Amino acid sequence: QVHLVESGGDLVQPGGSLRLSCVASGFTFSRYDMRWYRQAPGKERELVARIGRVPGDTRYADSVKGRFTVSRDNAKNTIDLQMNSLKFEDTAVYYCNAIGVPGSYWGQGTQVTVAS
């Protein structure tokens, strides 16, 4: 059975940092592209960062470039999102997503709230 479990969400002040983690199980992690999405209240889910099967293959949304860093550890079946210089507009539920064959899998999400 496939599981993606996110953790690390919290309440943080603007300018602060958080590190989100996602642990995967039930599929061959190294064969999947991995992504972080987020969804703020009243808004559509948006792609924040992606990392390909090769760890250095990364891309970011313009809104987080230079502040967020995505990484993966294929030995541990984990993907992380280091978030620095957090802004109010980063407040959202963050979701881990795996894309490959035979399909796409989602975690349950972790809440990040940026507030003073």
PDB file of N, CA and C in Angstrom:
ATOM      1  N   GLN A   1       0.850  -1.197   0.000  1.00  0.00           N
ATOM      2  CA  GLN A   1       0.000   0.000   0.000  1.00  0.00           C
ATOM      3  C   GLN A   1       0.885   1.246   0.000  1.00  0.00           C
ATOM      4  N   VAL A   2       0.512   2.203  -0.830  1.00  0.00           N
ATOM      5  CA  VAL A   2       1.301   3.423  -0.970  1.00  0.00           C
ATOM      6  C   VAL A   2       0.986   4.394   0.158  1.00  0.00           C
ATOM      7  N   HIS A   3       2.028   4.970   0.711  1.00  0.00           N
ATOM      8  CA  HIS A   3       1.878   6.021   1.719  1.00  0.00           C
ATOM      9  C   HIS A   3       2.872   7.126   1.446  1.00  0.00           C
ATOM     10  N   LEU A   4       2.370   8.353   1.555  1.00  0.00           N
ATOM     11  CA  LEU A   4       3.210   9.543   1.577  1.00  0.00           C
ATOM     12  C   LEU A   4       2.801  10.315   2.823  1.00  0.00           C
ATOM     13  N   VAL A   5       3.750  10.522   3.715  1.00  0.00           N
ATOM     14  CA  VAL A   5       3.427  11.169   4.982  1.00  0.00           C
ATOM     15  C   VAL A   5       4.301  12.405   5.154  1.00  0.00           C
ATOM     16  N   GLU A   6       3.650  13.563   5.154  1.00  0.00           N
ATOM     17  CA  GLU A   6       4.355  14.821   5.331  1.00  0.00           C
ATOM     18  C   GLU A   6       4.441  15.183   6.816  1.00  0.00           C
ATOM     19  N   SER A   7       5.458  15.940   7.146  1.00  0.00           N
ATOM     20  CA  SER A   7       5.608  16.455   8.498  1.00  0.00           C
ATOM     21  C   SER A   7       6.423  17.738   8.452  1.00  0.00           C
ATOM     22  N   GLY A   8       6.411  18.447   9.561  1.00  0.00           N
ATOM     23  CA  GLY A   8       7.239  19.643   9.681  1.00  0.00           C
ATOM     24  C   GLY A   8       6.482  20.951   9.608  1.00  0.00           C
ATOM     25  N   GLY A   9       5.206  20.897   9.255  1.00  0.00           N
ATOM     26  CA  GLY A   9       4.436  22.134   9.220  1.00  0.00           C
ATOM     27  C   GLY A   9       4.282  22.741  10.599  1.00  0.00           C
ATOM     28  N   ASP A  10       4.200  24.062  10.635  1.00  0.00           N
ATOM     29  CA  ASP A  10       4.140  24.738  11.933  1.00  0.00           C
ATOM     30  C   ASP A  10       3.725  26.188  11.720  1.00  0.00           C
ATOM     31  N   LEU A  11       3.578  26.888  12.834  1.00  0.00           N
ATOM     32  CA  LEU A  11       3.357  28.331  12.827  1.00  0.00           C
ATOM     33  C   LEU A  11       4.723  28.998  12.942  1.00  0.00           C
ATOM     34  N   VAL A  12       5.010  29.920  12.046  1.00  0.00           N
ATOM     35  CA  VAL A  12       6.302  30.578  12.038  1.00  0.00           C
ATOM     36  C   VAL A  12       6.125  32.049  11.708  1.00  0.00           C
ATOM     37  N   GLN A  13       7.021  32.884  12.214  1.00  0.00           N
ATOM     38  CA  GLN A  13       6.952  34.311  11.934  1.00  0.00           C
ATOM     39  C   GLN A  13       7.533  34.617  10.555  1.00  0.00           C
ATOM     40  N   PRO A  14       7.119  35.710   9.966  1.00  0.00           N
ATOM     41  CA  PRO A  14       7.723  36.117   8.685  1.00  0.00           C
ATOM     42  C   PRO A  14       9.227  36.226   8.807  1.00  0.00           C
ATOM     43  N   GLY A  15       9.919  35.763   7.782  1.00  0.00           N
ATOM     44  CA  GLY A  15      11.370  35.740   7.820  1.00  0.00           C
ATOM     45  C   GLY A  15      11.949  34.478   8.402  1.00  0.00           C
ATOM     46  N   GLY A  16      11.123  33.669   8.990  1.00  0.00           N
ATOM     47  CA  GLY A  16      11.584  32.443   9.611  1.00  0.00           C
ATOM     48  C   GLY A  16      11.774  31.313   8.617  1.00  0.00           C
ATOM     49  N   SER A  17      12.133  30.156   9.149  1.00  0.00           N
ATOM     50  CA  SER A  17      12.415  28.983   8.323  1.00  0.00           C
ATOM     51  C   SER A  17      11.676  27.767   8.852  1.00  0.00           C
ATOM     52  N   LEU A  18      11.377  26.871   7.941  1.00  0.00           N
ATOM     53  CA  LEU A  18      10.816  25.569   8.274  1.00  0.00           C
ATOM     54  C   LEU A  18      11.399  24.539   7.321  1.00  0.00           C
ATOM     55  N   ARG A  19      11.427  23.318   7.779  1.00  0.00           N
ATOM     56  CA  ARG A  19      11.842  22.218   6.912  1.00  0.00           C
ATOM     57  C   ARG A  19      10.734  21.175   6.916  1.00  0.00           C
ATOM     58  N   LEU A  20      10.163  20.940   5.752  1.00  0.00           N
ATOM     59  CA  LEU A  20       9.146  19.922   5.598  1.00  0.00           C
ATOM     60  C   LEU A  20       9.789  18.624   5.121  1.00  0.00           C
ATOM     61  N   SER A  21       9.227  17.526   5.568  1.00  0.00           N
ATOM     62  CA  SER A  21       9.706  16.217   5.129  1.00  0.00           C
ATOM     63  C   SER A  21       8.537  15.367   4.675  1.00  0.00           C
ATOM     64  N   CYS A  22       8.817  14.472   3.755  1.00  0.00           N
ATOM     65  CA  CYS A  22       7.817  13.527   3.263  1.00  0.00           C
ATOM     66  C   CYS A  22       8.477  12.155   3.184  1.00  0.00           C
ATOM     67  N   VAL A  23       7.887  11.201   3.864  1.00  0.00           N
ATOM     68  CA  VAL A  23       8.389   9.831   3.835  1.00  0.00           C
ATOM     69  C   VAL A  23       7.479   8.989   2.957  1.00  0.00           C
ATOM     70  N   ALA A  24       8.072   8.272   2.020  1.00  0.00           N
ATOM     71  CA  ALA A  24       7.303   7.473   1.066  1.00  0.00           C
ATOM     72  C   ALA A  24       7.494   5.986   1.332  1.00  0.00           C
ATOM     73  N   SER A  25       6.455   5.238   1.048  1.00  0.00           N
ATOM     74  CA  SER A  25       6.528   3.786   1.144  1.00  0.00           C
ATOM     75  C   SER A  25       5.506   3.164   0.214  1.00  0.00           C
ATOM     76  N   GLY A  26       5.747   1.902  -0.141  1.00  0.00           N
ATOM     77  CA  GLY A  26       4.782   1.173  -0.955  1.00  0.00           C
ATOM     78  C   GLY A  26       5.004   1.266  -2.447  1.00  0.00           C
ATOM     79  N   PHE A  27       6.048   1.954  -2.874  1.00  0.00           N
ATOM     80  CA  PHE A  27       6.375   2.024  -4.294  1.00  0.00           C
ATOM     81  C   PHE A  27       7.879   2.256  -4.429  1.00  0.00           C
ATOM     82  N   THR A  28       8.370   2.117  -5.653  1.00  0.00           N
ATOM     83  CA  THR A  28       9.807   2.265  -5.889  1.00  0.00           C
ATOM     84  C   THR A  28      10.145   3.747  -5.984  1.00  0.00           C
ATOM     85  N   PHE A  29      10.479   4.322  -4.869  1.00  0.00           N
ATOM     86  CA  PHE A  29      10.658   5.772  -4.733  1.00  0.00           C
ATOM     87  C   PHE A  29      11.618   6.346  -5.761  1.00  0.00           C
ATOM     88  N   SER A  30      12.720   5.672  -6.000  1.00  0.00           N
ATOM     89  CA  SER A  30      13.762   6.216  -6.868  1.00  0.00           C
ATOM     90  C   SER A  30      13.311   6.354  -8.318  1.00  0.00           C
ATOM     91  N   ARG A  31      12.236   5.722  -8.684  1.00  0.00           N
ATOM     92  CA  ARG A  31      11.746   5.776 -10.070  1.00  0.00           C
ATOM     93  C   ARG A  31      10.691   6.867 -10.272  1.00  0.00           C
ATOM     94  N   TYR A  32      10.421   7.617  -9.242  1.00  0.00           N
ATOM     95  CA  TYR A  32       9.373   8.618  -9.307  1.00  0.00           C
ATOM     96  C   TYR A  32       9.923  10.036  -9.215  1.00  0.00           C
ATOM     97  N   ASP A  33       9.374  10.919 -10.060  1.00  0.00           N
ATOM     98  CA  ASP A  33       9.566  12.335  -9.844  1.00  0.00           C
ATOM     99  C   ASP A  33       8.772  12.722  -8.595  1.00  0.00           C
ATOM    100  N   MET A  34       9.329  13.615  -7.822  1.00  0.00           N
ATOM    101  CA  MET A  34       8.674  14.038  -6.587  1.00  0.00           C
ATOM    102  C   MET A  34       8.420  15.541  -6.615  1.00  0.00           C
ATOM    103  N   ARG A  35       7.298  15.922  -6.064  1.00  0.00           N
ATOM    104  CA  ARG A  35       6.919  17.342  -6.097  1.00  0.00           C
ATOM    105  C   ARG A  35       6.358  17.766  -4.756  1.00  0.00           C
ATOM    106  N   TRP A  36       6.469  19.045  -4.489  1.00  0.00           N
ATOM    107  CA  TRP A  36       5.756  19.701  -3.402  1.00  0.00           C
ATOM    108  C   TRP A  36       4.754  20.669  -4.019  1.00  0.00           C
ATOM    109  N   TYR A  37       3.522  20.539  -3.584  1.00  0.00           N
ATOM    110  CA  TYR A  37       2.461  21.472  -3.946  1.00  0.00           C
ATOM    111  C   TYR A  37       2.001  22.174  -2.675  1.00  0.00           C
ATOM    112  N   ARG A  38       1.276  23.260  -2.874  1.00  0.00           N
ATOM    113  CA  ARG A  38       0.628  23.906  -1.744  1.00  0.00           C
ATOM    114  C   ARG A  38      -0.722  24.444  -2.175  1.00  0.00           C
ATOM    115  N   GLN A  39      -1.587  24.552  -1.181  1.00  0.00           N
ATOM    116  CA  GLN A  39      -2.918  25.094  -1.427  1.00  0.00           C
ATOM    117  C   GLN A  39      -3.303  26.008  -0.285  1.00  0.00           C
ATOM    118  N   ALA A  40      -3.494  27.258  -0.629  1.00  0.00           N
ATOM    119  CA  ALA A  40      -3.937  28.248   0.346  1.00  0.00           C
ATOM    120  C   ALA A  40      -5.454  28.312   0.331  1.00  0.00           C
ATOM    121  N   PRO A  41      -6.064  28.780   1.422  1.00  0.00           N
ATOM    122  CA  PRO A  41      -7.519  28.864   1.474  1.00  0.00           C
ATOM    123  C   PRO A  41      -8.087  29.676   0.309  1.00  0.00           C
ATOM    124  N   GLY A  42      -9.054  29.103  -0.380  1.00  0.00           N
ATOM    125  CA  GLY A  42      -9.704  29.807  -1.479  1.00  0.00           C
ATOM    126  C   GLY A  42      -8.909  29.848  -2.766  1.00  0.00           C
ATOM    127  N   LYS A  43      -7.776  29.160  -2.794  1.00  0.00           N
ATOM    128  CA  LYS A  43      -6.938  29.186  -3.992  1.00  0.00           C
ATOM    129  C   LYS A  43      -6.728  27.773  -4.530  1.00  0.00           C
ATOM    130  N   GLU A  44      -6.326  27.706  -5.780  1.00  0.00           N
ATOM    131  CA  GLU A  44      -6.041  26.415  -6.379  1.00  0.00           C
ATOM    132  C   GLU A  44      -4.694  25.887  -5.886  1.00  0.00           C
ATOM    133  N   ARG A  45      -4.576  24.577  -5.943  1.00  0.00           N
ATOM    134  CA  ARG A  45      -3.307  23.959  -5.581  1.00  0.00           C
ATOM    135  C   ARG A  45      -2.250  24.349  -6.608  1.00  0.00           C
ATOM    136  N   GLU A  46      -1.064  24.710  -6.131  1.00  0.00           N
ATOM    137  CA  GLU A  46      -0.012  25.139  -7.030  1.00  0.00           C
ATOM    138  C   GLU A  46       1.270  24.352  -6.784  1.00  0.00           C
ATOM    139  N   LEU A  47       2.005  24.153  -7.863  1.00  0.00           N
ATOM    140  CA  LEU A  47       3.286  23.463  -7.772  1.00  0.00           C
ATOM    141  C   LEU A  47       4.337  24.400  -7.202  1.00  0.00           C
ATOM    142  N   VAL A  48       5.005  23.955  -6.178  1.00  0.00           N
ATOM    143  CA  VAL A  48       6.019  24.772  -5.506  1.00  0.00           C
ATOM    144  C   VAL A  48       7.419  24.378  -5.973  1.00  0.00           C
ATOM    145  N   ALA A  49       7.687  23.080  -5.968  1.00  0.00           N
ATOM    146  CA  ALA A  49       9.028  22.596  -6.314  1.00  0.00           C
ATOM    147  C   ALA A  49       8.926  21.164  -6.784  1.00  0.00           C
ATOM    148  N   ARG A  50       9.834  20.817  -7.667  1.00  0.00           N
ATOM    149  CA  ARG A  50       9.899  19.438  -8.119  1.00  0.00           C
ATOM    150  C   ARG A  50      11.344  18.989  -8.154  1.00  0.00           C
ATOM    151  N   ILE A  51      11.537  17.704  -7.959  1.00  0.00           N
ATOM    152  CA  ILE A  51      12.856  17.111  -8.068  1.00  0.00           C
ATOM    153  C   ILE A  51      12.713  15.814  -8.824  1.00  0.00           C
ATOM    154  N   GLY A  52      13.526  15.673  -9.854  1.00  0.00           N
ATOM    155  CA  GLY A  52      13.473  14.482 -10.685  1.00  0.00           C
ATOM    156  C   GLY A  52      14.132  13.294 -10.023  1.00  0.00           C
ATOM    157  N   ARG A  53      14.229  12.231 -10.773  1.00  0.00           N
ATOM    158  CA  ARG A  53      14.826  11.010 -10.253  1.00  0.00           C
ATOM    159  C   ARG A  53      16.305  11.182  -9.965  1.00  0.00           C
ATOM    160  N   VAL A  54      16.921  12.123 -10.690  1.00  0.00           N
ATOM    161  CA  VAL A  54      18.305  12.477 -10.403  1.00  0.00           C
ATOM    162  C   VAL A  54      18.268  13.627  -9.409  1.00  0.00           C
ATOM    163  N   PRO A  55      18.887  13.530  -8.268  1.00  0.00           N
ATOM    164  CA  PRO A  55      18.737  14.549  -7.216  1.00  0.00           C
ATOM    165  C   PRO A  55      19.014  15.986  -7.641  1.00  0.00           C
ATOM    166  N   GLY A  56      19.862  16.248  -8.566  1.00  0.00           N
ATOM    167  CA  GLY A  56      20.157  17.607  -8.962  1.00  0.00           C
ATOM    168  C   GLY A  56      19.155  18.227  -9.909  1.00  0.00           C
ATOM    169  N   ASP A  57      18.198  17.465 -10.360  1.00  0.00           N
ATOM    170  CA  ASP A  57      17.197  17.931 -11.315  1.00  0.00           C
ATOM    171  C   ASP A  57      16.051  18.582 -10.547  1.00  0.00           C
ATOM    172  N   THR A  58      16.135  19.885 -10.352  1.00  0.00           N
ATOM    173  CA  THR A  58      15.139  20.587  -9.549  1.00  0.00           C
ATOM    174  C   THR A  58      14.582  21.784 -10.296  1.00  0.00           C
ATOM    175  N   ARG A  59      13.351  22.114  -9.972  1.00  0.00           N
ATOM    176  CA  ARG A  59      12.710  23.314 -10.514  1.00  0.00           C
ATOM    177  C   ARG A  59      11.810  23.895  -9.438  1.00  0.00           C
ATOM    178  N   TYR A  60      11.617  25.228  -9.512  1.00  0.00           N
ATOM    179  CA  TYR A  60      10.858  25.923  -8.489  1.00  0.00           C
ATOM    180  C   TYR A  60       9.876  26.901  -9.114  1.00  0.00           C
ATOM    181  N   ALA A  61       8.814  27.134  -8.400  1.00  0.00           N
ATOM    182  CA  ALA A  61       7.919  28.223  -8.769  1.00  0.00           C
ATOM    183  C   ALA A  61       8.666  29.544  -8.588  1.00  0.00           C
ATOM    184  N   ASP A  62       8.347  30.506  -9.419  1.00  0.00           N
ATOM    185  CA  ASP A  62       9.030  31.802  -9.328  1.00  0.00           C
ATOM    186  C   ASP A  62       8.864  32.424  -7.937  1.00  0.00           C
ATOM    187  N   SER A  63       7.736  32.179  -7.318  1.00  0.00           N
ATOM    188  CA  SER A  63       7.445  32.801  -6.028  1.00  0.00           C
ATOM    189  C   SER A  63       8.332  32.287  -4.900  1.00  0.00           C
ATOM    190  N   VAL A  64       9.003  31.155  -5.100  1.00  0.00           N
ATOM    191  CA  VAL A  64       9.817  30.589  -4.024  1.00  0.00           C
ATOM    192  C   VAL A  64      11.289  30.455  -4.405  1.00  0.00           C
ATOM    193  N   LYS A  65      11.638  30.792  -5.632  1.00  0.00           N
ATOM    194  CA  LYS A  65      13.030  30.673  -6.067  1.00  0.00           C
ATOM    195  C   LYS A  65      13.957  31.480  -5.169  1.00  0.00           C
ATOM    196  N   GLY A  66      15.056  30.849  -4.790  1.00  0.00           N
ATOM    197  CA  GLY A  66      16.021  31.521  -3.930  1.00  0.00           C
ATOM    198  C   GLY A  66      15.701  31.418  -2.457  1.00  0.00           C
ATOM    199  N   ARG A  67      14.498  30.960  -2.125  1.00  0.00           N
ATOM    200  CA  ARG A  67      14.102  30.829  -0.716  1.00  0.00           C
ATOM    201  C   ARG A  67      13.877  29.368  -0.315  1.00  0.00           C
ATOM    202  N   PHE A  68      13.380  28.567  -1.242  1.00  0.00           N
ATOM    203  CA  PHE A  68      13.069  27.163  -0.958  1.00  0.00           C
ATOM    204  C   PHE A  68      14.075  26.264  -1.664  1.00  0.00           C
ATOM    205  N   THR A  69      14.379  25.153  -1.022  1.00  0.00           N
ATOM    206  CA  THR A  69      15.264  24.152  -1.608  1.00  0.00           C
ATOM    207  C   THR A  69      14.659  22.775  -1.405  1.00  0.00           C
ATOM    208  N   VAL A  70      14.518  22.052  -2.504  1.00  0.00           N
ATOM    209  CA  VAL A  70      13.980  20.697  -2.441  1.00  0.00           C
ATOM    210  C   VAL A  70      15.140  19.701  -2.562  1.00  0.00           C
ATOM    211  N   SER A  71      15.035  18.615  -1.824  1.00  0.00           N
ATOM    212  CA  SER A  71      16.059  17.586  -1.873  1.00  0.00           C
ATOM    213  C   SER A  71      15.413  16.224  -1.662  1.00  0.00           C
ATOM    214  N   ARG A  72      16.119  15.192  -2.048  1.00  0.00           N
ATOM    215  CA  ARG A  72      15.597  13.840  -1.846  1.00  0.00           C
ATOM    216  C   ARG A  72      16.727  12.918  -1.428  1.00  0.00           C
ATOM    217  N   ASP A  73      16.334  11.876  -0.731  1.00  0.00           N
ATOM    218  CA  ASP A  73      17.277  10.843  -0.326  1.00  0.00           C
ATOM    219  C   ASP A  73      16.665   9.508  -0.746  1.00  0.00           C
ATOM    220  N   ASN A  74      17.161   8.968  -1.846  1.00  0.00           N
ATOM    221  CA  ASN A  74      16.582   7.729  -2.363  1.00  0.00           C
ATOM    222  C   ASN A  74      16.842   6.531  -1.457  1.00  0.00           C
ATOM    223  N   ALA A  75      17.870   6.615  -0.644  1.00  0.00           N
ATOM    224  CA  ALA A  75      18.155   5.521   0.288  1.00  0.00           C
ATOM    225  C   ALA A  75      17.144   5.495   1.434  1.00  0.00           C
ATOM    226  N   LYS A  76      16.621   6.663   1.779  1.00  0.00           N
ATOM    227  CA  LYS A  76      15.675   6.756   2.901  1.00  0.00           C
ATOM    228  C   LYS A  76      14.237   6.948   2.435  1.00  0.00           C
ATOM    229  N   ASN A  77      14.038   7.053   1.111  1.00  0.00           N
ATOM    230  CA  ASN A  77      12.688   7.291   0.562  1.00  0.00           C
ATOM    231  C   ASN A  77      12.071   8.568   1.123  1.00  0.00           C
ATOM    232  N   THR A  78      12.857   9.617   1.148  1.00  0.00           N
ATOM    233  CA  THR A  78      12.363  10.877   1.682  1.00  0.00           C
ATOM    234  C   THR A  78      12.608  12.026   0.714  1.00  0.00           C
ATOM    235  N   ILE A  79      11.747  13.007   0.815  1.00  0.00           N
ATOM    236  CA  ILE A  79      11.916  14.268   0.111  1.00  0.00           C
ATOM    237  C   ILE A  79      11.708  15.377   1.125  1.00  0.00           C
ATOM    238  N   ASP A  80      12.554  16.386   1.083  1.00  0.00           N
ATOM    239  CA  ASP A  80      12.477  17.501   2.010  1.00  0.00           C
ATOM    240  C   ASP A  80      12.259  18.806   1.252  1.00  0.00           C
ATOM    241  N   LEU A  81      11.726  19.770   1.958  1.00  0.00           N
ATOM    242  CA  LEU A  81      11.601  21.113   1.426  1.00  0.00           C
ATOM    243  C   LEU A  81      12.075  22.080   2.501  1.00  0.00           C
ATOM    244  N   GLN A  82      13.233  22.661   2.274  1.00  0.00           N
ATOM    245  CA  GLN A  82      13.762  23.670   3.189  1.00  0.00           C
ATOM    246  C   GLN A  82      13.207  25.019   2.758  1.00  0.00           C
ATOM    247  N   MET A  83      12.517  25.672   3.672  1.00  0.00           N
ATOM    248  CA  MET A  83      11.864  26.936   3.361  1.00  0.00           C
ATOM    249  C   MET A  83      12.458  28.026   4.227  1.00  0.00           C
ATOM    250  N   ASN A  84      13.078  28.999   3.604  1.00  0.00           N
ATOM    251  CA  ASN A  84      13.691  30.122   4.305  1.00  0.00           C
ATOM    252  C   ASN A  84      12.997  31.423   3.925  1.00  0.00           C
ATOM    253  N   SER A  85      13.230  32.436   4.715  1.00  0.00           N
ATOM    254  CA  SER A  85      12.666  33.767   4.450  1.00  0.00           C
ATOM    255  C   SER A  85      11.168  33.677   4.173  1.00  0.00           C
ATOM    256  N   LEU A  86      10.470  32.992   5.032  1.00  0.00           N
ATOM    257  CA  LEU A  86       9.046  32.759   4.810  1.00  0.00           C
ATOM    258  C   LEU A  86       8.244  34.051   4.848  1.00  0.00           C
ATOM    259  N   LYS A  87       7.223  34.089   4.008  1.00  0.00           N
ATOM    260  CA  LYS A  87       6.360  35.256   3.872  1.00  0.00           C
ATOM    261  C   LYS A  87       4.926  34.864   4.236  1.00  0.00           C
ATOM    262  N   PHE A  88       4.114  35.884   4.506  1.00  0.00           N
ATOM    263  CA  PHE A  88       2.705  35.630   4.809  1.00  0.00           C
ATOM    264  C   PHE A  88       2.068  34.777   3.705  1.00  0.00           C
ATOM    265  N   GLU A  89       2.407  35.086   2.471  1.00  0.00           N
ATOM    266  CA  GLU A  89       1.775  34.404   1.338  1.00  0.00           C
ATOM    267  C   GLU A  89       2.225  32.957   1.167  1.00  0.00           C
ATOM    268  N   ASP A  90       3.153  32.502   1.978  1.00  0.00           N
ATOM    269  CA  ASP A  90       3.542  31.093   1.947  1.00  0.00           C
ATOM    270  C   ASP A  90       2.601  30.232   2.786  1.00  0.00           C
ATOM    271  N   THR A  91       1.702  30.867   3.494  1.00  0.00           N
ATOM    272  CA  THR A  91       0.737  30.123   4.306  1.00  0.00           C
ATOM    273  C   THR A  91      -0.127  29.230   3.426  1.00  0.00           C
ATOM    274  N   ALA A  92      -0.135  27.954   3.731  1.00  0.00           N
ATOM    275  CA  ALA A  92      -0.880  26.989   2.920  1.00  0.00           C
ATOM    276  C   ALA A  92      -0.728  25.601   3.524  1.00  0.00           C
ATOM    277  N   VAL A  93      -1.505  24.682   3.001  1.00  0.00           N
ATOM    278  CA  VAL A  93      -1.261  23.270   3.266  1.00  0.00           C
ATOM    279  C   VAL A  93      -0.308  22.784   2.181  1.00  0.00           C
ATOM    280  N   TYR A  94       0.771  22.146   2.597  1.00  0.00           N
ATOM    281  CA  TYR A  94       1.786  21.663   1.671  1.00  0.00           C
ATOM    282  C   TYR A  94       1.637  20.155   1.488  1.00  0.00           C
ATOM    283  N   TYR A  95       1.643  19.748   0.228  1.00  0.00           N
ATOM    284  CA  TYR A  95       1.425  18.350  -0.114  1.00  0.00           C
ATOM    285  C   TYR A  95       2.624  17.775  -0.857  1.00  0.00           C
ATOM    286  N   CYS A  96       2.917  16.551  -0.533  1.00  0.00           N
ATOM    287  CA  CYS A  96       3.938  15.790  -1.231  1.00  0.00           C
ATOM    288  C   CYS A  96       3.253  14.972  -2.331  1.00  0.00           C
ATOM    289  N   ASN A  97       3.875  14.909  -3.493  1.00  0.00           N
ATOM    290  CA  ASN A  97       3.290  14.224  -4.638  1.00  0.00           C
ATOM    291  C   ASN A  97       4.358  13.411  -5.352  1.00  0.00           C
ATOM    292  N   ALA A  98       4.013  12.188  -5.693  1.00  0.00           N
ATOM    293  CA  ALA A  98       4.901  11.310  -6.452  1.00  0.00           C
ATOM    294  C   ALA A  98       4.269  11.029  -7.806  1.00  0.00           C
ATOM    295  N   ILE A  99       5.057  11.193  -8.859  1.00  0.00           N
ATOM    296  CA  ILE A  99       4.551  10.949 -10.214  1.00  0.00           C
ATOM    297  C   ILE A  99       5.455   9.942 -10.908  1.00  0.00           C
ATOM    298  N   GLY A 100       4.842   8.890 -11.410  1.00  0.00           N
ATOM    299  CA  GLY A 100       5.598   7.878 -12.128  1.00  0.00           C
ATOM    300  C   GLY A 100       4.658   6.849 -12.709  1.00  0.00           C
ATOM    301  N   VAL A 101       5.187   5.684 -12.936  1.00  0.00           N
ATOM    302  CA  VAL A 101       4.372   4.583 -13.448  1.00  0.00           C
ATOM    303  C   VAL A 101       4.150   3.604 -12.308  1.00  0.00           C
ATOM    304  N   PRO A 102       2.926   3.248 -11.934  1.00  0.00           N
ATOM    305  CA  PRO A 102       1.725   3.412 -12.744  1.00  0.00           C
ATOM    306  C   PRO A 102       0.885   4.641 -12.470  1.00  0.00           C
ATOM    307  N   GLY A 103       1.247   5.491 -11.534  1.00  0.00           N
ATOM    308  CA  GLY A 103       0.336   6.598 -11.302  1.00  0.00           C
ATOM    309  C   GLY A 103       0.919   7.717 -10.465  1.00  0.00           C
ATOM    310  N   SER A 104       0.022   8.478  -9.873  1.00  0.00           N
ATOM    311  CA  SER A 104       0.376   9.635  -9.052  1.00  0.00           C
ATOM    312  C   SER A 104      -0.165   9.415  -7.652  1.00  0.00           C
ATOM    313  N   TYR A 105       0.653   9.749  -6.667  1.00  0.00           N
ATOM    314  CA  TYR A 105       0.258   9.553  -5.281  1.00  0.00           C
ATOM    315  C   TYR A 105       0.398  10.860  -4.520  1.00  0.00           C
ATOM    316  N   TRP A 106      -0.471  11.012  -3.504  1.00  0.00           N
ATOM    317  CA  TRP A 106      -0.485  12.233  -2.706  1.00  0.00           C
ATOM    318  C   TRP A 106      -0.423  11.908  -1.227  1.00  0.00           C
ATOM    319  N   GLY A 107       0.196  12.816  -0.492  1.00  0.00           N
ATOM    320  CA  GLY A 107       0.132  12.747   0.951  1.00  0.00           C
ATOM    321  C   GLY A 107      -1.082  13.501   1.458  1.00  0.00           C
ATOM    322  N   GLN A 108      -1.225  13.529   2.773  1.00  0.00           N
ATOM    323  CA  GLN A 108      -2.402  14.166   3.383  1.00  0.00           C
ATOM    324  C   GLN A 108      -2.192  15.653   3.630  1.00  0.00           C
ATOM    325  N   GLY A 109      -0.958  16.107   3.528  1.00  0.00           N
ATOM    326  CA  GLY A 109      -0.660  17.522   3.685  1.00  0.00           C
ATOM    327  C   GLY A 109      -0.199  17.889   5.082  1.00  0.00           C
ATOM    328  N   THR A 110       0.530  18.990   5.157  1.00  0.00           N
ATOM    329  CA  THR A 110       0.973  19.540   6.432  1.00  0.00           C
ATOM    330  C   THR A 110       0.796  21.056   6.369  1.00  0.00           C
ATOM    331  N   GLN A 111       0.265  21.619   7.457  1.00  0.00           N
ATOM    332  CA  GLN A 111      -0.090  23.038   7.464  1.00  0.00           C
ATOM    333  C   GLN A 111       1.111  23.902   7.811  1.00  0.00           C
ATOM    334  N   VAL A 112       1.344  24.897   6.980  1.00  0.00           N
ATOM    335  CA  VAL A 112       2.341  25.926   7.249  1.00  0.00           C
ATOM    336  C   VAL A 112       1.613  27.251   7.390  1.00  0.00           C
ATOM    337  N   THR A 113       1.805  27.890   8.508  1.00  0.00           N
ATOM    338  CA  THR A 113       1.179  29.190   8.751  1.00  0.00           C
ATOM    339  C   THR A 113       2.261  30.198   9.077  1.00  0.00           C
ATOM    340  N   VAL A 114       2.293  31.255   8.299  1.00  0.00           N
ATOM    341  CA  VAL A 114       3.248  32.338   8.527  1.00  0.00           C
ATOM    342  C   VAL A 114       2.471  33.520   9.074  1.00  0.00           C
ATOM    343  N   ALA A 115       2.739  33.878  10.315  1.00  0.00           N
ATOM    344  CA  ALA A 115       2.002  34.939  10.979  1.00  0.00           C
ATOM    345  C   ALA A 115       2.886  35.579  12.038  1.00  0.00           C
ATOM    346  N   SER A 116       2.630  36.868  12.279  1.00  0.00           N
ATOM    347  CA  SER A 116       3.424  37.576  13.298  1.00  0.00           C
ATOM    348  C   SER A 116       2.718  37.566  14.626  1.00  0.00           C
TER     349      SER A 116
END
